[in-house]
Amino acid sequence: MAKKKQQQLTITLVKSPIGYTKRQKNTVRALGLRRMNQSVSHEDTPVIRGMIDKVGHLVRVEEK
């Protein structure tokens, strides 16, 4: 059976997590973001979507 190709998400850090809770800072780090305007690509999964929901005010998401 052929695997379905997962949709990719490009996540960019647009606001600094300084001044936010440690939990939000850790979520940004877990997404692989370290610097402002850095972008990472992840597969569109419920886990990644949940992380984005928690720090949506700090990141910009684009679907590929």
N, C-alpha and C. Protein backbone atom coordinates (compact mmCIF):
# COMPACT_ATOMS: atom_id res chain seq x y z
N MET A 1 0.84 -1.18 0.00
CA MET A 1 0.00 0.00 0.00
C MET A 1 0.88 1.24 0.00
N ALA A 2 0.60 2.15 -0.87
CA ALA A 2 1.39 3.38 -0.99
C ALA A 2 1.06 4.34 0.15
N LYS A 3 2.11 4.99 0.65
CA LYS A 3 1.91 5.97 1.71
C LYS A 3 1.44 7.28 1.10
N LYS A 4 0.55 7.95 1.82
CA LYS A 4 0.10 9.27 1.39
C LYS A 4 1.19 10.28 1.72
N LYS A 5 1.39 11.22 0.82
CA LYS A 5 2.39 12.26 1.06
C LYS A 5 1.80 13.28 2.04
N GLN A 6 2.51 13.48 3.15
CA GLN A 6 2.07 14.44 4.16
C GLN A 6 2.31 15.87 3.66
N GLN A 7 1.41 16.74 4.02
CA GLN A 7 1.57 18.15 3.69
C GLN A 7 2.64 18.75 4.60
N GLN A 8 3.44 19.64 4.07
CA GLN A 8 4.49 20.29 4.83
C GLN A 8 4.03 21.65 5.34
N LEU A 9 4.50 22.02 6.52
CA LEU A 9 4.27 23.33 7.11
C LEU A 9 5.60 24.03 7.26
N THR A 10 5.66 25.30 6.91
CA THR A 10 6.84 26.11 7.17
C THR A 10 6.49 27.05 8.32
N ILE A 11 7.25 26.93 9.39
CA ILE A 11 7.00 27.71 10.61
C ILE A 11 8.14 28.69 10.79
N THR A 12 7.81 29.98 10.97
CA THR A 12 8.80 31.03 11.12
C THR A 12 8.57 31.76 12.44
N LEU A 13 9.64 31.95 13.19
CA LEU A 13 9.57 32.69 14.45
C LEU A 13 9.57 34.19 14.13
N VAL A 14 8.46 34.89 14.43
CA VAL A 14 8.34 36.31 14.08
C VAL A 14 8.35 37.22 15.31
N LYS A 15 8.22 36.64 16.49
CA LYS A 15 8.24 37.43 17.72
C LYS A 15 9.06 36.67 18.76
N SER A 16 9.84 37.40 19.52
CA SER A 16 10.72 36.79 20.51
C SER A 16 9.92 36.20 21.68
N PRO A 17 10.32 35.01 22.15
CA PRO A 17 9.65 34.42 23.30
C PRO A 17 10.11 35.01 24.64
N ILE A 18 11.01 35.98 24.60
CA ILE A 18 11.46 36.62 25.84
C ILE A 18 10.25 37.31 26.48
N GLY A 19 10.05 37.10 27.74
CA GLY A 19 8.94 37.71 28.45
C GLY A 19 7.72 36.82 28.51
N TYR A 20 7.78 35.66 27.86
CA TYR A 20 6.68 34.70 27.92
C TYR A 20 7.06 33.57 28.86
N THR A 21 6.13 32.69 29.12
CA THR A 21 6.37 31.63 30.09
C THR A 21 7.43 30.65 29.58
N LYS A 22 8.05 29.96 30.53
CA LYS A 22 9.07 28.96 30.20
C LYS A 22 8.46 27.86 29.32
N ARG A 23 7.21 27.54 29.57
CA ARG A 23 6.54 26.51 28.78
C ARG A 23 6.45 26.91 27.30
N GLN A 24 6.13 28.18 27.05
CA GLN A 24 6.05 28.66 25.67
C GLN A 24 7.44 28.71 25.03
N LYS A 25 8.44 29.10 25.79
CA LYS A 25 9.82 29.12 25.28
C LYS A 25 10.25 27.71 24.90
N ASN A 26 9.91 26.73 25.75
CA ASN A 26 10.27 25.34 25.47
C ASN A 26 9.54 24.81 24.24
N THR A 27 8.31 25.25 24.03
CA THR A 27 7.56 24.82 22.85
C THR A 27 8.20 25.37 21.58
N VAL A 28 8.64 26.62 21.61
CA VAL A 28 9.32 27.21 20.46
C VAL A 28 10.60 26.43 20.17
N ARG A 29 11.35 26.09 21.20
CA ARG A 29 12.59 25.32 21.03
C ARG A 29 12.29 23.93 20.48
N ALA A 30 11.21 23.31 20.96
CA ALA A 30 10.84 21.97 20.50
C ALA A 30 10.45 21.96 19.03
N LEU A 31 9.96 23.08 18.55
CA LEU A 31 9.64 23.21 17.12
C LEU A 31 10.92 23.36 16.29
N GLY A 32 12.05 23.60 16.94
CA GLY A 32 13.32 23.74 16.23
C GLY A 32 13.69 25.17 15.92
N LEU A 33 13.01 26.11 16.56
CA LEU A 33 13.26 27.53 16.30
C LEU A 33 14.19 28.09 17.38
N ARG A 34 15.25 28.75 16.94
CA ARG A 34 16.22 29.30 17.87
C ARG A 34 16.39 30.81 17.73
N ARG A 35 16.27 31.30 16.51
CA ARG A 35 16.49 32.73 16.25
C ARG A 35 15.29 33.36 15.58
N MET A 36 15.20 34.67 15.70
CA MET A 36 14.16 35.42 15.02
C MET A 36 14.27 35.23 13.51
N ASN A 37 13.14 35.14 12.85
CA ASN A 37 13.04 34.97 11.40
C ASN A 37 13.62 33.66 10.89
N GLN A 38 13.90 32.73 11.78
CA GLN A 38 14.34 31.40 11.36
C GLN A 38 13.11 30.59 10.97
N SER A 39 13.23 29.80 9.91
CA SER A 39 12.13 28.97 9.45
C SER A 39 12.51 27.51 9.51
N VAL A 40 11.54 26.68 9.84
CA VAL A 40 11.72 25.23 9.84
C VAL A 40 10.53 24.60 9.13
N SER A 41 10.73 23.40 8.59
CA SER A 41 9.65 22.67 7.94
C SER A 41 9.32 21.43 8.76
N HIS A 42 8.05 21.20 8.93
CA HIS A 42 7.56 20.01 9.64
C HIS A 42 6.39 19.44 8.87
N GLU A 43 6.16 18.13 9.05
CA GLU A 43 4.97 17.53 8.47
C GLU A 43 3.75 18.00 9.24
N ASP A 44 2.64 18.09 8.55
CA ASP A 44 1.39 18.56 9.16
C ASP A 44 0.76 17.42 9.95
N THR A 45 1.05 17.37 11.25
CA THR A 45 0.49 16.35 12.13
C THR A 45 -0.27 17.02 13.26
N PRO A 46 -1.15 16.29 13.93
CA PRO A 46 -1.87 16.88 15.06
C PRO A 46 -0.95 17.36 16.18
N VAL A 47 0.17 16.70 16.38
CA VAL A 47 1.11 17.11 17.43
C VAL A 47 1.69 18.48 17.12
N ILE A 48 2.15 18.66 15.88
CA ILE A 48 2.74 19.94 15.47
C ILE A 48 1.67 21.04 15.49
N ARG A 49 0.46 20.72 15.04
CA ARG A 49 -0.63 21.71 15.06
C ARG A 49 -0.93 22.16 16.49
N GLY A 50 -0.89 21.24 17.44
CA GLY A 50 -1.13 21.59 18.84
C GLY A 50 -0.06 22.52 19.38
N MET A 51 1.20 22.26 18.99
CA MET A 51 2.29 23.12 19.43
C MET A 51 2.14 24.53 18.83
N ILE A 52 1.74 24.57 17.57
CA ILE A 52 1.54 25.86 16.90
C ILE A 52 0.41 26.63 17.58
N ASP A 53 -0.65 25.95 17.99
CA ASP A 53 -1.76 26.62 18.66
C ASP A 53 -1.30 27.28 19.96
N LYS A 54 -0.38 26.66 20.67
CA LYS A 54 0.09 27.20 21.95
C LYS A 54 0.99 28.42 21.79
N VAL A 55 1.69 28.52 20.66
CA VAL A 55 2.60 29.67 20.45
C VAL A 55 2.26 30.40 19.16
N GLY A 56 1.01 30.38 18.77
CA GLY A 56 0.57 31.00 17.52
C GLY A 56 0.82 32.49 17.46
N HIS A 57 0.90 33.14 18.61
CA HIS A 57 1.16 34.57 18.65
C HIS A 57 2.64 34.90 18.42
N LEU A 58 3.49 33.88 18.39
CA LEU A 58 4.93 34.08 18.19
C LEU A 58 5.43 33.63 16.82
N VAL A 59 4.61 32.84 16.13
CA VAL A 59 5.05 32.24 14.86
C VAL A 59 4.11 32.56 13.71
N ARG A 60 4.63 32.38 12.49
CA ARG A 60 3.83 32.48 11.27
C ARG A 60 3.91 31.12 10.58
N VAL A 61 2.79 30.62 10.12
CA VAL A 61 2.73 29.29 9.52
C VAL A 61 2.27 29.41 8.07
N GLU A 62 2.99 28.72 7.19
CA GLU A 62 2.63 28.66 5.78
C GLU A 62 2.53 27.21 5.37
N GLU A 63 1.49 26.87 4.63
CA GLU A 63 1.32 25.50 4.14
C GLU A 63 1.93 25.39 2.75
N LYS A 64 2.62 24.28 2.54
CA LYS A 64 3.23 24.03 1.21
C LYS A 64 2.42 23.03 0.47
